[in-house]
Amino acid sequence: MPASDLPATIDSVTNIKQLPVVEGQLDHSFAAIDWQAPWLSHITQLGYISNTIERLSRSEPQRNSLDGSNDSEGLDNVKSLDEHDINAFDINTPDTIAKVLKTAMMQQAEYLQQPLPHTKPAHDYKSQTLQFVSQNALPEGEAYEHFIGTTGNIPTRDNLHDLFNGSIWLTFPKTKAILNYYHMLEIAKQGISERRGRVRDTITVFDENGAVLVTSDASIGEALVDFDWQASLVKPRAKWDNPTQPDNSAQAAVYIFGHALLEQLVHPRKPLCAHSIVIHVAQEFFTLSLAERMRYLDDKVAKYMDTLLSNDDVKPRQLAPLPILGVPHFWAENADTGFYEDSYVFRSGRRKKDKN
């Protein structure tokens, strides 16, 4: 069962028609993804995406439907196609990742019986239905964020960075739309230049490298902001949720938002550091299914970022550093308290003088 509680093979569980995707092979960087890594567990449509990417990154092309079924089932499991389907034998078509993500988004909307996600309109622009498209659709000279805001089209390349970016759009659609909205506002004010300004810098840092600490114990969040690793990560370890064994009595969890951070975690390194926000929740949050958690959290994080980014004094330093492999249950080595004694990674803070 995928992290979102959506079935990996949609048609076999819900009788919703599968939208098969077969494209050209992906390079070997995709084969390096560990889809069982705990920091990926929250990704919506994880089962479909992981099964599809694994097949497309194999050494030999697979001329069958990538619908989450076993190889031995072949094409017998493919339902009849309609105008939205992708030719299941077109193995040389580019823009593979855009089509995988498009299929995942359509499956998710159909399964949840909800409309496709959309942009938050800025200025006189209308809300646009989101869609993944080829990078080639982005007009030369137009800002990426402006293009998304005015068309709903998300330019997507066949690389790890854009795969994870699209996965976060699936998981946090409202939050991603809020971030793009504030990009649009700032572009209208300042135009496009090498200097983005503090608002767009803050958006970019969170978008690329962000993480969300969710906790019902305020002291854990306060300790993280104060660089008190013992009080946030070590001493309350028993309160931290284990992504592989969710616990209704847990009081803290981290969900990665930054797609560049997810890309870097394909090859985990101890010094990798996220820039995090703290979301306080009632204890009941941890009794929810993972799908319910993510829908609730998308609403909360979108509101948090709306408030944060509406302040002209916002700056990236307001995002709390978090050595991501120090999150309990994210990395086997952190079960040893000595893991946190590395002062190069777990540094003393500069935070108290910066606190608002």
Protein backbone atom coordinates (compact mmCIF):
# COMPACT_ATOMS: atom_id res chain seq x y z
CA MET A 1 0.00 0.00 0.00
CA PRO A 2 1.48 3.35 -0.99
CA ALA A 3 2.09 5.96 1.65
CA SER A 4 -0.97 7.96 0.61
CA ASP A 5 -3.21 4.91 1.08
CA LEU A 6 -3.96 4.96 -2.63
CA PRO A 7 -3.56 1.51 -4.15
CA ALA A 8 -0.44 0.92 -6.23
CA THR A 9 -2.52 -0.76 -8.93
CA ILE A 10 -5.60 1.41 -9.14
CA ASP A 11 -7.76 -0.78 -11.37
CA SER A 12 -7.23 -3.97 -9.34
CA VAL A 13 -8.48 -2.40 -6.14
CA THR A 14 -11.03 0.25 -7.14
CA ASN A 15 -11.97 -0.80 -10.69
CA ILE A 16 -10.89 2.65 -11.87
CA LYS A 17 -9.37 2.40 -15.31
CA GLN A 18 -5.59 2.39 -15.32
CA LEU A 19 -3.81 4.92 -17.54
CA PRO A 20 -0.75 3.00 -18.83
CA VAL A 21 2.50 4.83 -19.47
CA VAL A 22 5.43 3.47 -21.42
CA GLU A 23 8.19 5.76 -22.58
CA GLY A 24 11.86 5.67 -23.45
CA GLN A 25 14.32 4.35 -20.91
CA LEU A 26 15.50 6.61 -18.13
CA ASP A 27 19.16 6.97 -17.26
CA HIS A 28 20.78 5.00 -14.44
CA SER A 29 20.40 7.82 -11.91
CA PHE A 30 16.76 6.76 -11.47
CA ALA A 31 17.75 3.19 -10.66
CA ALA A 32 19.63 4.50 -7.61
CA ILE A 33 16.44 5.64 -5.86
CA ASP A 34 15.63 3.64 -2.73
CA TRP A 35 11.85 3.83 -2.78
CA GLN A 36 11.69 2.27 0.68
CA ALA A 37 13.64 5.14 2.26
CA PRO A 38 11.63 6.54 5.19
CA TRP A 39 11.85 10.13 3.91
CA LEU A 40 9.89 9.10 0.79
CA SER A 41 7.06 7.38 2.64
CA HIS A 42 4.70 10.36 2.49
CA ILE A 43 4.86 10.89 -1.28
CA THR A 44 1.38 10.70 -2.78
CA GLN A 45 0.99 7.97 -5.41
CA LEU A 46 4.32 6.49 -4.29
CA GLY A 47 3.37 2.98 -5.40
CA TYR A 48 2.50 3.93 -8.97
CA ILE A 49 5.47 6.28 -9.38
CA SER A 50 8.02 3.88 -7.90
CA ASN A 51 6.79 0.89 -9.91
CA THR A 52 6.82 2.91 -13.11
CA ILE A 53 10.23 4.51 -12.58
CA GLU A 54 11.78 1.19 -11.59
CA ARG A 55 10.64 -0.40 -14.84
CA LEU A 56 11.74 2.53 -16.97
CA SER A 57 15.21 2.55 -15.43
CA ARG A 58 15.95 -1.12 -16.03
CA SER A 59 18.81 -2.09 -18.33
CA GLU A 60 16.48 -3.64 -20.91
CA PRO A 61 13.41 -1.87 -22.37
CA GLN A 62 10.08 -3.25 -21.23
CA ARG A 63 7.40 -3.29 -23.94
CA ASN A 64 4.42 -3.65 -21.65
CA SER A 65 2.04 -1.58 -19.60
CA LEU A 66 3.54 0.13 -16.58
CA ASP A 67 0.45 -0.14 -14.47
CA GLY A 68 1.93 -1.46 -11.24
CA SER A 69 1.19 -5.09 -12.19
CA ASN A 70 3.76 -7.87 -12.23
CA ASP A 71 5.77 -8.47 -15.41
CA SER A 72 4.15 -11.89 -15.82
CA GLU A 73 0.74 -10.25 -16.17
CA GLY A 74 1.90 -8.40 -19.30
CA LEU A 75 -0.70 -6.49 -21.28
CA ASP A 76 -3.65 -8.62 -20.17
CA ASN A 77 -4.23 -6.22 -17.29
CA VAL A 78 -4.60 -3.10 -19.48
CA LYS A 79 -8.10 -1.66 -19.69
CA SER A 80 -9.47 -0.07 -22.84
CA LEU A 81 -7.82 3.24 -23.64
CA ASP A 82 -9.43 6.65 -24.16
CA GLU A 83 -8.25 9.96 -25.55
CA HIS A 84 -6.25 10.73 -22.41
CA ASP A 85 -4.17 7.55 -22.54
CA ILE A 86 -0.59 7.35 -23.74
CA ASN A 87 0.35 4.93 -26.48
CA ALA A 88 1.55 1.91 -24.54
CA PHE A 89 4.02 0.91 -27.28
CA ASP A 90 5.64 4.30 -27.91
CA ILE A 91 8.93 3.58 -26.19
CA ASN A 92 10.89 6.36 -27.85
CA THR A 93 8.79 9.36 -26.84
CA PRO A 94 10.60 11.97 -24.74
CA ASP A 95 9.14 13.79 -21.71
CA THR A 96 8.77 10.56 -19.81
CA ILE A 97 8.66 12.11 -16.34
CA ALA A 98 5.99 14.65 -17.33
CA LYS A 99 3.78 11.82 -18.55
CA VAL A 100 4.36 9.63 -15.50
CA LEU A 101 3.44 12.55 -13.22
CA LYS A 102 0.45 13.48 -15.36
CA THR A 103 -0.87 9.94 -15.10
CA ALA A 104 -0.30 9.87 -11.33
CA MET A 105 -2.18 13.17 -10.93
CA MET A 106 -5.12 11.94 -13.01
CA GLN A 107 -5.27 8.66 -11.09
CA GLN A 108 -5.23 10.50 -7.79
CA ALA A 109 -8.00 12.90 -8.78
CA GLU A 110 -10.18 10.07 -10.08
CA TYR A 111 -9.59 7.90 -7.03
CA LEU A 112 -10.40 10.75 -4.62
CA GLN A 113 -13.23 11.97 -6.87
CA GLN A 114 -11.77 15.44 -6.77
CA PRO A 115 -10.87 17.94 -9.50
CA LEU A 116 -7.27 18.28 -10.57
CA PRO A 117 -5.31 20.80 -8.45
CA HIS A 118 -5.03 24.35 -9.67
CA THR A 119 -3.03 27.53 -9.29
CA LYS A 120 -3.79 30.36 -6.90
CA PRO A 121 -4.48 33.31 -9.21
CA ALA A 122 -2.35 36.44 -8.83
CA HIS A 123 -3.47 39.88 -10.07
CA ASP A 124 -5.92 39.57 -12.97
CA TYR A 125 -4.94 36.04 -13.93
CA LYS A 126 -7.47 33.24 -13.62
CA SER A 127 -6.98 30.03 -11.67
CA GLN A 128 -5.48 27.39 -13.96
CA THR A 129 -5.69 23.62 -13.77
CA LEU A 130 -2.24 22.21 -13.13
CA GLN A 131 -0.61 19.93 -15.68
CA PHE A 132 2.86 18.52 -16.27
CA VAL A 133 4.28 19.40 -19.67
CA SER A 134 7.55 19.20 -21.57
CA GLN A 135 10.29 21.63 -20.62
CA ASN A 136 10.16 22.70 -24.26
CA ALA A 137 6.75 24.27 -23.63
CA LEU A 138 8.38 27.04 -21.57
CA PRO A 139 8.81 30.06 -23.89
CA GLU A 140 12.34 31.40 -24.12
CA GLY A 141 12.84 34.29 -21.73
CA GLU A 142 9.71 33.65 -19.65
CA ALA A 143 10.14 32.99 -15.93
CA TYR A 144 9.34 29.41 -14.94
CA GLU A 145 7.06 30.52 -12.09
CA HIS A 146 5.22 33.07 -14.25
CA PHE A 147 4.55 30.41 -16.88
CA ILE A 148 3.04 28.08 -14.25
CA GLY A 149 0.95 30.88 -12.77
CA THR A 150 -0.53 31.98 -16.09
CA THR A 151 -1.00 28.60 -17.78
CA GLY A 152 -1.06 25.95 -15.03
CA ASN A 153 1.61 24.06 -17.00
CA ILE A 154 4.60 22.79 -15.02
CA PRO A 155 7.65 22.39 -17.32
CA THR A 156 9.27 19.05 -16.55
CA ARG A 157 12.56 17.51 -17.61
CA ASP A 158 13.55 13.86 -17.56
CA ASN A 159 15.74 14.12 -14.47
CA LEU A 160 15.62 13.31 -10.76
CA HIS A 161 15.15 16.93 -9.77
CA ASP A 162 11.92 17.30 -11.72
CA LEU A 163 10.63 13.86 -10.74
CA PHE A 164 10.82 14.86 -7.09
CA ASN A 165 9.47 18.33 -7.82
CA GLY A 166 6.41 16.78 -9.44
CA SER A 167 6.02 14.33 -6.57
CA ILE A 168 5.83 17.26 -4.15
CA TRP A 169 3.25 18.97 -6.38
CA LEU A 170 1.17 15.80 -6.01
CA THR A 171 1.64 15.70 -2.24
CA PHE A 172 1.42 19.41 -1.31
CA PRO A 173 -0.55 20.99 -4.20
CA LYS A 174 -1.99 23.88 -2.17
CA THR A 175 1.36 24.76 -0.64
CA LYS A 176 3.17 24.63 -3.96
CA ALA A 177 0.46 26.84 -5.47
CA ILE A 178 0.92 29.38 -2.63
CA LEU A 179 4.67 29.49 -3.21
CA ASN A 180 4.14 30.06 -6.93
CA TYR A 181 1.57 32.78 -6.15
CA TYR A 182 4.13 34.73 -4.12
CA HIS A 183 6.71 34.30 -6.86
CA MET A 184 4.15 35.87 -9.21
CA LEU A 185 3.56 38.81 -6.88
CA GLU A 186 7.28 39.47 -6.52
CA ILE A 187 7.91 39.15 -10.27
CA ALA A 188 5.20 41.75 -10.86
CA LYS A 189 6.86 44.09 -8.36
CA GLN A 190 10.50 43.64 -9.26
CA GLY A 191 10.66 41.93 -12.63
CA ILE A 192 13.22 39.22 -13.35
CA SER A 193 16.81 39.77 -12.28
CA GLU A 194 19.69 37.91 -10.69
CA ARG A 195 18.69 39.34 -7.30
CA ARG A 196 15.43 37.71 -6.29
CA GLY A 197 14.88 39.57 -3.01
CA ARG A 198 14.15 38.16 0.43
CA VAL A 199 10.66 36.87 -0.30
CA ARG A 200 11.66 34.87 -3.37
CA ASP A 201 14.88 33.74 -1.68
CA THR A 202 12.84 32.36 1.22
CA ILE A 203 10.45 30.62 -1.15
CA THR A 204 13.33 29.08 -3.08
CA VAL A 205 15.13 27.80 0.02
CA PHE A 206 11.98 26.13 1.35
CA ASP A 207 10.88 24.86 -2.05
CA GLU A 208 14.24 23.28 -2.79
CA ASN A 209 15.37 22.25 0.68
CA GLY A 210 12.42 22.49 3.05
CA ALA A 211 11.11 20.11 5.68
CA VAL A 212 8.08 20.22 7.95
CA LEU A 213 8.32 19.23 11.60
CA VAL A 214 4.84 18.29 12.81
CA THR A 215 4.48 17.97 16.55
CA SER A 216 1.92 17.93 19.32
CA ASP A 217 4.69 18.63 21.86
CA ALA A 218 5.62 22.31 21.63
CA SER A 219 8.91 21.73 23.45
CA ILE A 220 10.24 19.60 20.57
CA GLY A 221 9.63 22.38 18.06
CA GLU A 222 11.10 25.02 20.38
CA ALA A 223 14.21 22.91 20.95
CA LEU A 224 14.73 22.44 17.22
CA VAL A 225 14.53 26.17 16.57
CA ASP A 226 17.04 26.73 19.40
CA PHE A 227 19.51 24.19 17.96
CA ASP A 228 18.99 22.00 21.04
CA TRP A 229 19.48 18.66 19.35
CA GLN A 230 19.36 16.70 22.58
CA ALA A 231 15.95 18.09 23.54
CA SER A 232 14.49 17.86 20.05
CA LEU A 233 15.94 14.67 18.54
CA VAL A 234 17.64 12.58 21.21
CA LYS A 235 15.85 12.64 24.56
CA PRO A 236 12.29 12.55 23.14
CA ARG A 237 13.15 9.80 20.63
CA ALA A 238 10.32 7.60 21.93
CA LYS A 239 7.85 10.33 20.94
CA TRP A 240 8.93 10.33 17.29
CA ASP A 241 6.83 8.55 14.69
CA ASN A 242 8.46 5.75 12.72
CA PRO A 243 7.45 6.07 9.03
CA THR A 244 7.59 2.30 8.58
CA GLN A 245 5.44 1.66 11.67
CA PRO A 246 3.17 4.69 12.28
CA ASP A 247 2.17 5.05 15.92
CA ASN A 248 -1.06 6.68 17.11
CA SER A 249 0.71 7.79 20.29
CA ALA A 250 3.57 9.52 18.46
CA GLN A 251 4.04 13.25 19.01
CA ALA A 252 6.52 14.29 16.30
CA ALA A 253 7.30 13.55 12.66
CA VAL A 254 9.17 15.18 9.77
CA TYR A 255 7.96 15.29 6.19
CA ILE A 256 10.34 16.53 3.50
CA PHE A 257 9.06 19.25 1.19
CA GLY A 258 12.23 20.22 -0.69
CA HIS A 259 12.60 18.40 -3.99
CA ALA A 260 16.33 19.20 -4.29
CA LEU A 261 16.81 17.69 -0.83
CA LEU A 262 15.04 14.52 -1.94
CA GLU A 263 17.34 14.41 -4.96
CA GLN A 264 20.42 14.72 -2.74
CA LEU A 265 19.09 11.96 -0.46
CA VAL A 266 19.32 9.48 -3.32
CA HIS A 267 22.92 9.35 -2.05
CA PRO A 268 22.53 10.12 1.69
CA ARG A 269 25.28 12.07 3.45
CA LYS A 270 25.34 12.96 7.12
CA PRO A 271 25.93 16.73 6.57
CA LEU A 272 22.74 17.18 4.51
CA CYS A 273 20.68 19.86 6.22
CA ALA A 274 17.05 20.83 5.63
CA HIS A 275 15.48 24.23 6.28
CA SER A 276 12.39 23.55 8.31
CA ILE A 277 9.20 25.02 9.67
CA VAL A 278 7.33 23.79 12.74
CA ILE A 279 3.63 22.98 12.52
CA HIS A 280 1.85 22.43 15.83
CA VAL A 281 -1.01 19.93 15.80
CA ALA A 282 -3.34 18.24 18.24
CA GLN A 283 -2.46 14.70 19.27
CA GLU A 284 -5.32 13.44 17.10
CA PHE A 285 -3.20 14.21 14.02
CA PHE A 286 -1.16 11.07 14.65
CA THR A 287 -4.30 8.89 14.70
CA LEU A 288 -5.06 9.84 11.08
CA SER A 289 -4.18 7.69 8.10
CA LEU A 290 -1.18 8.91 6.14
CA ALA A 291 -3.44 10.15 3.33
CA GLU A 292 -5.47 12.16 5.84
CA ARG A 293 -2.32 13.48 7.47
CA MET A 294 -1.00 14.80 4.18
CA ARG A 295 -4.26 16.48 3.16
CA TYR A 296 -4.48 18.15 6.57
CA LEU A 297 -0.84 19.13 6.49
CA ASP A 298 -1.06 20.63 3.01
CA ASP A 299 -3.76 22.98 4.30
CA LYS A 300 -1.72 23.89 7.38
CA VAL A 301 1.57 24.45 5.57
CA ALA A 302 -0.13 26.52 2.85
CA LYS A 303 -1.62 28.81 5.52
CA TYR A 304 1.71 28.99 7.38
CA MET A 305 3.61 29.98 4.23
CA ASP A 306 0.90 32.47 3.24
CA THR A 307 1.36 34.24 6.59
CA LEU A 308 5.16 34.02 6.49
CA LEU A 309 5.57 35.27 2.94
CA SER A 310 3.12 38.14 3.31
CA ASN A 311 5.64 39.76 5.67
CA ASP A 312 8.05 41.97 3.73
CA ASP A 313 10.70 41.29 6.37
CA VAL A 314 10.71 37.56 5.75
CA LYS A 315 14.15 36.02 5.26
CA PRO A 316 15.53 32.51 4.75
CA ARG A 317 17.11 32.55 8.22
CA GLN A 318 13.60 32.16 9.65
CA LEU A 319 13.69 28.56 8.44
CA ALA A 320 15.20 26.33 11.12
CA PRO A 321 18.21 24.18 10.10
CA LEU A 322 17.64 20.46 10.57
CA PRO A 323 20.34 17.84 9.83
CA ILE A 324 17.95 15.55 8.04
CA LEU A 325 19.60 12.19 8.80
CA GLY A 326 19.32 13.10 12.49
CA VAL A 327 15.54 12.70 12.35
CA PRO A 328 14.74 9.64 14.49
CA HIS A 329 14.04 6.55 12.35
CA PHE A 330 15.33 8.21 9.16
CA TRP A 331 18.80 6.66 9.43
CA ALA A 332 19.80 3.51 11.32
CA GLU A 333 23.00 5.08 12.68
CA ASN A 334 21.13 7.73 14.64
CA ALA A 335 19.84 5.08 17.05
CA ASP A 336 23.26 5.53 18.70
CA THR A 337 23.31 8.80 20.66
CA GLY A 338 26.93 9.25 19.63
CA PHE A 339 25.65 10.07 16.14
CA TYR A 340 24.65 13.50 17.43
CA GLU A 341 28.04 14.35 18.92
CA ASP A 342 29.40 15.40 15.53
CA SER A 343 29.70 19.16 16.04
CA TYR A 344 30.35 19.74 12.33
CA VAL A 345 26.81 18.55 11.56
CA PHE A 346 24.96 19.26 14.81
CA ARG A 347 26.19 22.78 15.38
CA SER A 348 25.49 25.14 18.24
CA GLY A 349 22.94 27.75 17.32
CA ARG A 350 22.82 31.32 16.21
CA ARG A 351 19.09 31.24 16.66
CA LYS A 352 18.29 32.95 19.97
CA LYS A 353 19.31 36.41 18.80
CA ASP A 354 17.29 35.90 15.60
CA LYS A 355 14.07 34.74 17.26
CA ASN A 356 11.10 37.00 16.70
